[in-house]
Amino acid sequence: MTTTAPTTNGRVIALAHYSARALLEGVLTRHGATFEQSVTLRAVAVAGDSIGRDELVTDVIGSLKAEESVVRGVIDDMTATKLLEQDPAADSRLRLTDAGRELYQSTTAETAEISARLYAGIPAEDLAVAGRVLTLLTQRANAELAGS
């Protein structure tokens, strides 16, 4: 009996996303973090030394498709729990604290191991095609959201 691969559609993409996210959530739960905090930590980490608060809000809204008030609440909570702090060189900018950096590095390392297992054996050309298709779908969905 042969099995044919399903056509890529919203359900197939969602199943892959939620399966991988469940694995990530397991890592985050062990570290006492949330998915929203993880997305926020990543945005600050890839920005470099610090990031403007409004720039961070915009970045996280774009990633999570969440309301501004929710994102600002996450950032305020992360500042209160000392994962983020004001940059002493510029009050309008935020940076990772040592605890925030440690959390980001440890969860990133753990999820990298999981990702390596998930992607193992998938040909590079298949990953490239999937990347192009998913990027295009994301761009189109974002355009639809912007128009609504």
N, C-alpha and C. Protein backbone atom coordinates (compact mmCIF):
# COMPACT_ATOMS: atom_id res chain seq x y z
N MET A 1 0.84 -1.18 0.00
CA MET A 1 0.00 0.00 0.00
C MET A 1 0.89 1.24 0.00
N THR A 2 0.59 2.17 -0.88
CA THR A 2 1.35 3.42 -0.92
C THR A 2 0.51 4.54 -0.33
N THR A 3 1.19 5.46 0.28
CA THR A 3 0.51 6.61 0.86
C THR A 3 0.98 7.85 0.12
N THR A 4 0.06 8.66 -0.30
CA THR A 4 0.44 9.91 -0.96
C THR A 4 0.44 11.02 0.07
N ALA A 5 1.35 11.92 -0.11
CA ALA A 5 1.44 13.06 0.80
C ALA A 5 0.25 13.98 0.57
N PRO A 6 -0.27 14.57 1.65
CA PRO A 6 -1.39 15.49 1.48
C PRO A 6 -0.92 16.77 0.78
N THR A 7 -1.84 17.39 0.11
CA THR A 7 -1.56 18.70 -0.47
C THR A 7 -1.36 19.69 0.66
N THR A 8 -0.44 20.62 0.47
CA THR A 8 -0.24 21.64 1.48
C THR A 8 -1.46 22.54 1.51
N ASN A 9 -2.02 22.67 2.69
CA ASN A 9 -3.17 23.56 2.89
C ASN A 9 -3.13 24.06 4.33
N GLY A 10 -4.09 24.86 4.67
CA GLY A 10 -4.10 25.45 6.00
C GLY A 10 -4.09 24.44 7.13
N ARG A 11 -4.79 23.34 6.96
CA ARG A 11 -4.84 22.33 8.01
C ARG A 11 -3.49 21.65 8.20
N VAL A 12 -2.84 21.29 7.10
CA VAL A 12 -1.53 20.65 7.17
C VAL A 12 -0.52 21.59 7.84
N ILE A 13 -0.56 22.85 7.45
CA ILE A 13 0.35 23.84 8.04
C ILE A 13 0.04 24.01 9.52
N ALA A 14 -1.23 24.10 9.87
CA ALA A 14 -1.61 24.27 11.27
C ALA A 14 -1.20 23.07 12.12
N LEU A 15 -1.39 21.86 11.60
CA LEU A 15 -0.99 20.67 12.36
C LEU A 15 0.51 20.66 12.62
N ALA A 16 1.30 21.03 11.62
CA ALA A 16 2.75 21.10 11.82
C ALA A 16 3.10 22.17 12.84
N HIS A 17 2.47 23.33 12.71
CA HIS A 17 2.74 24.43 13.64
C HIS A 17 2.40 24.05 15.08
N TYR A 18 1.19 23.53 15.28
CA TYR A 18 0.77 23.24 16.65
C TYR A 18 1.53 22.06 17.26
N SER A 19 1.95 21.11 16.44
CA SER A 19 2.76 20.02 16.96
C SER A 19 4.12 20.53 17.43
N ALA A 20 4.75 21.36 16.60
CA ALA A 20 6.04 21.93 16.98
C ALA A 20 5.89 22.89 18.15
N ARG A 21 4.83 23.68 18.14
CA ARG A 21 4.61 24.62 19.24
C ARG A 21 4.40 23.89 20.56
N ALA A 22 3.71 22.75 20.53
CA ALA A 22 3.52 21.97 21.76
C ALA A 22 4.86 21.54 22.34
N LEU A 23 5.79 21.17 21.48
CA LEU A 23 7.13 20.81 21.95
C LEU A 23 7.83 22.02 22.56
N LEU A 24 7.73 23.17 21.88
CA LEU A 24 8.32 24.40 22.41
C LEU A 24 7.69 24.77 23.74
N GLU A 25 6.37 24.69 23.83
CA GLU A 25 5.68 25.03 25.08
C GLU A 25 6.16 24.15 26.23
N GLY A 26 6.46 22.89 25.93
CA GLY A 26 6.99 22.00 26.97
C GLY A 26 8.32 22.51 27.51
N VAL A 27 9.18 22.96 26.62
CA VAL A 27 10.47 23.54 27.04
C VAL A 27 10.23 24.80 27.86
N LEU A 28 9.38 25.67 27.35
CA LEU A 28 9.13 26.94 28.03
C LEU A 28 8.52 26.72 29.40
N THR A 29 7.59 25.78 29.52
CA THR A 29 6.96 25.49 30.81
C THR A 29 7.99 25.04 31.83
N ARG A 30 8.93 24.21 31.40
CA ARG A 30 9.99 23.76 32.33
C ARG A 30 10.82 24.93 32.85
N HIS A 31 10.88 26.00 32.07
CA HIS A 31 11.66 27.17 32.46
C HIS A 31 10.79 28.29 33.05
N GLY A 32 9.49 28.02 33.21
CA GLY A 32 8.60 29.02 33.78
C GLY A 32 8.31 30.19 32.86
N ALA A 33 8.38 29.95 31.55
CA ALA A 33 8.16 31.02 30.57
C ALA A 33 6.95 30.72 29.70
N THR A 34 6.45 31.75 29.05
CA THR A 34 5.33 31.61 28.14
C THR A 34 5.80 31.77 26.69
N PHE A 35 4.94 31.38 25.77
CA PHE A 35 5.24 31.54 24.36
C PHE A 35 5.43 33.02 24.02
N GLU A 36 4.57 33.87 24.55
CA GLU A 36 4.66 35.31 24.29
C GLU A 36 5.99 35.87 24.80
N GLN A 37 6.42 35.41 25.97
CA GLN A 37 7.71 35.85 26.49
C GLN A 37 8.85 35.38 25.59
N SER A 38 8.75 34.17 25.09
CA SER A 38 9.77 33.62 24.21
C SER A 38 9.91 34.46 22.94
N VAL A 39 8.79 34.81 22.35
CA VAL A 39 8.81 35.64 21.14
C VAL A 39 9.42 37.01 21.44
N THR A 40 9.10 37.56 22.59
CA THR A 40 9.63 38.86 22.99
C THR A 40 11.13 38.79 23.26
N LEU A 41 11.57 37.76 23.97
CA LEU A 41 13.00 37.58 24.22
C LEU A 41 13.79 37.48 22.92
N ARG A 42 13.25 36.71 21.97
CA ARG A 42 13.93 36.54 20.69
C ARG A 42 14.05 37.88 19.97
N ALA A 43 12.99 38.67 19.97
CA ALA A 43 13.01 39.97 19.29
C ALA A 43 14.10 40.87 19.88
N VAL A 44 14.23 40.87 21.19
CA VAL A 44 15.26 41.70 21.84
C VAL A 44 16.65 41.12 21.54
N ALA A 45 16.79 39.82 21.62
CA ALA A 45 18.10 39.19 21.39
C ALA A 45 18.61 39.44 19.97
N VAL A 46 17.75 39.32 18.98
CA VAL A 46 18.23 39.50 17.60
C VAL A 46 18.43 40.97 17.25
N ALA A 47 17.86 41.87 18.06
CA ALA A 47 18.04 43.31 17.81
C ALA A 47 19.43 43.78 18.18
N GLY A 48 20.14 43.02 18.99
CA GLY A 48 21.48 43.43 19.41
C GLY A 48 21.48 43.83 20.87
N ASP A 49 22.17 44.92 21.15
CA ASP A 49 22.31 45.35 22.54
C ASP A 49 21.00 45.79 23.17
N SER A 50 20.19 46.51 22.40
CA SER A 50 18.91 46.99 22.93
C SER A 50 17.98 47.29 21.76
N ILE A 51 16.71 47.52 22.10
CA ILE A 51 15.70 47.81 21.09
C ILE A 51 14.74 48.84 21.67
N GLY A 52 14.26 49.74 20.84
CA GLY A 52 13.28 50.72 21.29
C GLY A 52 12.00 50.01 21.71
N ARG A 53 11.39 50.50 22.78
CA ARG A 53 10.16 49.87 23.30
C ARG A 53 9.08 49.80 22.21
N ASP A 54 8.85 50.88 21.49
CA ASP A 54 7.81 50.88 20.46
C ASP A 54 8.18 49.93 19.31
N GLU A 55 9.45 49.87 18.96
CA GLU A 55 9.91 48.94 17.93
C GLU A 55 9.67 47.50 18.37
N LEU A 56 9.93 47.22 19.64
CA LEU A 56 9.70 45.88 20.19
C LEU A 56 8.21 45.54 20.15
N VAL A 57 7.38 46.46 20.55
CA VAL A 57 5.93 46.24 20.52
C VAL A 57 5.49 45.91 19.10
N THR A 58 5.93 46.69 18.13
CA THR A 58 5.56 46.47 16.73
C THR A 58 6.05 45.11 16.25
N ASP A 59 7.27 44.75 16.59
CA ASP A 59 7.83 43.46 16.18
C ASP A 59 7.01 42.30 16.74
N VAL A 60 6.70 42.35 18.03
CA VAL A 60 5.97 41.26 18.67
C VAL A 60 4.52 41.19 18.18
N ILE A 61 3.90 42.34 17.97
CA ILE A 61 2.56 42.35 17.38
C ILE A 61 2.59 41.65 16.02
N GLY A 62 3.59 41.97 15.22
CA GLY A 62 3.71 41.36 13.90
C GLY A 62 3.92 39.86 13.96
N SER A 63 4.65 39.41 14.95
CA SER A 63 4.90 37.97 15.09
C SER A 63 3.69 37.23 15.63
N LEU A 64 3.06 37.78 16.65
CA LEU A 64 1.97 37.09 17.35
C LEU A 64 0.59 37.43 16.82
N LYS A 65 0.47 38.51 16.07
CA LYS A 65 -0.84 39.00 15.62
C LYS A 65 -1.72 39.25 16.85
N ALA A 66 -1.12 39.83 17.86
CA ALA A 66 -1.80 40.10 19.13
C ALA A 66 -2.13 41.58 19.23
N GLU A 67 -3.03 41.91 20.13
CA GLU A 67 -3.40 43.30 20.39
C GLU A 67 -2.23 44.02 21.07
N GLU A 68 -2.10 45.30 20.78
CA GLU A 68 -1.02 46.11 21.35
C GLU A 68 -1.03 46.06 22.87
N SER A 69 -2.22 46.15 23.47
CA SER A 69 -2.30 46.15 24.94
C SER A 69 -1.77 44.85 25.53
N VAL A 70 -2.00 43.74 24.84
CA VAL A 70 -1.51 42.43 25.32
C VAL A 70 0.01 42.41 25.26
N VAL A 71 0.56 42.88 24.16
CA VAL A 71 2.02 42.88 24.00
C VAL A 71 2.67 43.81 25.01
N ARG A 72 2.10 44.98 25.19
CA ARG A 72 2.66 45.90 26.19
C ARG A 72 2.59 45.29 27.60
N GLY A 73 1.53 44.54 27.88
CA GLY A 73 1.41 43.86 29.16
C GLY A 73 2.49 42.81 29.35
N VAL A 74 2.78 42.05 28.29
CA VAL A 74 3.86 41.05 28.35
C VAL A 74 5.19 41.74 28.63
N ILE A 75 5.46 42.83 27.93
CA ILE A 75 6.71 43.56 28.11
C ILE A 75 6.80 44.14 29.52
N ASP A 76 5.70 44.69 30.01
CA ASP A 76 5.69 45.23 31.39
C ASP A 76 5.95 44.11 32.40
N ASP A 77 5.31 42.96 32.21
CA ASP A 77 5.53 41.82 33.12
C ASP A 77 6.99 41.36 33.07
N MET A 78 7.55 41.33 31.88
CA MET A 78 8.94 40.88 31.74
C MET A 78 9.91 41.88 32.36
N THR A 79 9.55 43.14 32.35
CA THR A 79 10.37 44.15 33.01
C THR A 79 10.24 44.01 34.53
N ALA A 80 9.02 43.77 34.99
CA ALA A 80 8.78 43.60 36.43
C ALA A 80 9.48 42.37 36.98
N THR A 81 9.55 41.30 36.18
CA THR A 81 10.20 40.07 36.64
C THR A 81 11.68 40.02 36.29
N LYS A 82 12.20 41.15 35.84
CA LYS A 82 13.65 41.32 35.59
C LYS A 82 14.20 40.43 34.47
N LEU A 83 13.38 40.18 33.44
CA LEU A 83 13.89 39.55 32.22
C LEU A 83 14.33 40.61 31.23
N LEU A 84 13.69 41.77 31.30
CA LEU A 84 14.05 42.94 30.50
C LEU A 84 14.30 44.11 31.43
N GLU A 85 15.09 45.07 30.95
CA GLU A 85 15.32 46.29 31.72
C GLU A 85 15.54 47.45 30.76
N GLN A 86 15.36 48.66 31.29
CA GLN A 86 15.66 49.85 30.50
C GLN A 86 17.15 49.88 30.23
N ASP A 87 17.50 50.31 29.04
CA ASP A 87 18.91 50.50 28.69
C ASP A 87 19.36 51.79 29.38
N PRO A 88 20.40 51.73 30.22
CA PRO A 88 20.83 52.94 30.93
C PRO A 88 21.29 54.06 29.98
N ALA A 89 21.69 53.69 28.78
CA ALA A 89 22.15 54.69 27.81
C ALA A 89 20.99 55.40 27.11
N ALA A 90 19.80 54.77 27.13
CA ALA A 90 18.63 55.36 26.46
C ALA A 90 17.36 54.82 27.10
N ASP A 91 16.66 55.68 27.84
CA ASP A 91 15.48 55.25 28.61
C ASP A 91 14.37 54.63 27.76
N SER A 92 14.30 55.00 26.48
CA SER A 92 13.22 54.48 25.64
C SER A 92 13.55 53.11 25.04
N ARG A 93 14.71 52.59 25.40
CA ARG A 93 15.14 51.30 24.85
C ARG A 93 15.18 50.24 25.95
N LEU A 94 14.97 48.99 25.55
CA LEU A 94 15.01 47.86 26.46
C LEU A 94 16.12 46.91 26.06
N ARG A 95 16.61 46.19 27.05
CA ARG A 95 17.62 45.17 26.79
C ARG A 95 17.36 43.97 27.69
N LEU A 96 17.99 42.85 27.35
CA LEU A 96 17.88 41.66 28.18
C LEU A 96 18.68 41.86 29.45
N THR A 97 18.15 41.37 30.55
CA THR A 97 18.93 41.28 31.78
C THR A 97 19.75 39.99 31.69
N ASP A 98 20.60 39.75 32.65
CA ASP A 98 21.32 38.47 32.67
C ASP A 98 20.34 37.30 32.74
N ALA A 99 19.29 37.45 33.54
CA ALA A 99 18.28 36.38 33.65
C ALA A 99 17.55 36.19 32.33
N GLY A 100 17.23 37.28 31.64
CA GLY A 100 16.57 37.19 30.34
C GLY A 100 17.45 36.53 29.30
N ARG A 101 18.72 36.89 29.31
CA ARG A 101 19.69 36.29 28.38
C ARG A 101 19.85 34.79 28.66
N GLU A 102 19.93 34.44 29.93
CA GLU A 102 20.06 33.03 30.32
C GLU A 102 18.84 32.23 29.88
N LEU A 103 17.65 32.78 30.11
CA LEU A 103 16.42 32.11 29.70
C LEU A 103 16.39 31.93 28.18
N TYR A 104 16.70 32.99 27.46
CA TYR A 104 16.70 32.91 25.99
C TYR A 104 17.70 31.86 25.50
N GLN A 105 18.91 31.89 26.04
CA GLN A 105 19.95 30.96 25.59
C GLN A 105 19.60 29.52 25.92
N SER A 106 19.08 29.27 27.11
CA SER A 106 18.79 27.89 27.49
C SER A 106 17.59 27.34 26.71
N THR A 107 16.54 28.14 26.53
CA THR A 107 15.39 27.64 25.77
C THR A 107 15.73 27.50 24.29
N THR A 108 16.54 28.39 23.78
CA THR A 108 16.97 28.30 22.37
C THR A 108 17.81 27.04 22.15
N ALA A 109 18.70 26.75 23.07
CA ALA A 109 19.54 25.55 22.94
C ALA A 109 18.68 24.28 22.98
N GLU A 110 17.73 24.24 23.91
CA GLU A 110 16.87 23.05 24.01
C GLU A 110 16.00 22.88 22.78
N THR A 111 15.44 23.98 22.28
CA THR A 111 14.57 23.86 21.10
C THR A 111 15.38 23.58 19.84
N ALA A 112 16.63 24.00 19.80
CA ALA A 112 17.49 23.68 18.65
C ALA A 112 17.70 22.17 18.54
N GLU A 113 17.84 21.51 19.68
CA GLU A 113 17.98 20.05 19.67
C GLU A 113 16.72 19.38 19.15
N ILE A 114 15.57 19.89 19.57
CA ILE A 114 14.30 19.33 19.10
C ILE A 114 14.17 19.57 17.59
N SER A 115 14.46 20.78 17.17
CA SER A 115 14.37 21.11 15.74
C SER A 115 15.27 20.23 14.90
N ALA A 116 16.47 19.98 15.39
CA ALA A 116 17.39 19.11 14.65
C ALA A 116 16.78 17.73 14.44
N ARG A 117 16.12 17.21 15.46
CA ARG A 117 15.46 15.90 15.31
C ARG A 117 14.29 15.98 14.33
N LEU A 118 13.52 17.04 14.40
CA LEU A 118 12.35 17.17 13.53
C LEU A 118 12.74 17.32 12.06
N TYR A 119 13.80 18.05 11.79
CA TYR A 119 14.21 18.32 10.42
C TYR A 119 15.19 17.29 9.87
N ALA A 120 15.63 16.38 10.70
CA ALA A 120 16.63 15.37 10.29
C ALA A 120 16.13 14.58 9.08
N GLY A 121 16.99 14.47 8.10
CA GLY A 121 16.69 13.64 6.94
C GLY A 121 15.82 14.30 5.88
N ILE A 122 15.38 15.49 6.12
CA ILE A 122 14.59 16.19 5.09
C ILE A 122 15.58 16.86 4.14
N PRO A 123 15.50 16.56 2.85
CA PRO A 123 16.45 17.14 1.90
C PRO A 123 16.42 18.67 1.90
N ALA A 124 17.59 19.28 1.75
CA ALA A 124 17.71 20.74 1.76
C ALA A 124 16.81 21.38 0.71
N GLU A 125 16.68 20.76 -0.45
CA GLU A 125 15.84 21.34 -1.50
C GLU A 125 14.36 21.32 -1.09
N ASP A 126 13.93 20.32 -0.36
CA ASP A 126 12.55 20.28 0.13
C ASP A 126 12.32 21.38 1.17
N LEU A 127 13.30 21.58 2.04
CA LEU A 127 13.19 22.64 3.04
C LEU A 127 13.17 24.01 2.37
N ALA A 128 13.96 24.18 1.31
CA ALA A 128 13.97 25.46 0.59
C ALA A 128 12.62 25.74 -0.05
N VAL A 129 12.02 24.73 -0.67
CA VAL A 129 10.69 24.90 -1.28
C VAL A 129 9.67 25.24 -0.20
N ALA A 130 9.68 24.49 0.88
CA ALA A 130 8.74 24.75 1.97
C ALA A 130 8.93 26.17 2.51
N GLY A 131 10.16 26.59 2.65
CA GLY A 131 10.44 27.94 3.14
C GLY A 131 9.88 29.00 2.21
N ARG A 132 10.06 28.80 0.92
CA ARG A 132 9.53 29.78 -0.05
C ARG A 132 8.00 29.82 -0.01
N VAL A 133 7.38 28.66 0.03
CA VAL A 133 5.91 28.60 0.05
C VAL A 133 5.37 29.24 1.33
N LEU A 134 5.93 28.89 2.46
CA LEU A 134 5.44 29.43 3.73
C LEU A 134 5.68 30.93 3.83
N THR A 135 6.79 31.41 3.31
CA THR A 135 7.06 32.85 3.29
C THR A 135 6.03 33.58 2.43
N LEU A 136 5.73 33.03 1.28
CA LEU A 136 4.73 33.63 0.39
C LEU A 136 3.35 33.64 1.06
N LEU A 137 2.98 32.53 1.69
CA LEU A 137 1.69 32.48 2.39
C LEU A 137 1.63 33.51 3.52
N THR A 138 2.72 33.66 4.24
CA THR A 138 2.78 34.64 5.32
C THR A 138 2.62 36.05 4.76
N GLN A 139 3.32 36.35 3.68
CA GLN A 139 3.21 37.68 3.06
C GLN A 139 1.78 37.96 2.61
N ARG A 140 1.15 36.97 1.98
CA ARG A 140 -0.22 37.16 1.52
C ARG A 140 -1.20 37.32 2.68
N ALA A 141 -1.03 36.52 3.72
CA ALA A 141 -1.91 36.64 4.89
C ALA A 141 -1.73 37.99 5.55
N ASN A 142 -0.47 38.45 5.69
CA ASN A 142 -0.23 39.75 6.28
C ASN A 142 -0.85 40.87 5.43
N ALA A 143 -0.80 40.73 4.13
CA ALA A 143 -1.44 41.73 3.24
C ALA A 143 -2.96 41.73 3.45
N GLU A 144 -3.53 40.54 3.59
CA GLU A 144 -4.98 40.44 3.85
C GLU A 144 -5.32 41.10 5.18
N LEU A 145 -4.51 40.83 6.19
CA LEU A 145 -4.76 41.44 7.50
C LEU A 145 -4.65 42.97 7.43
N ALA A 146 -3.68 43.45 6.69
CA ALA A 146 -3.49 44.90 6.56
C ALA A 146 -4.67 45.55 5.84
N GLY A 147 -5.30 44.80 4.95
CA GLY A 147 -6.43 45.32 4.20
C GLY A 147 -7.75 45.24 4.92
N SER A 148 -7.78 44.52 6.04
CA SER A 148 -9.07 44.34 6.73
C SER A 148 -9.28 45.34 7.83
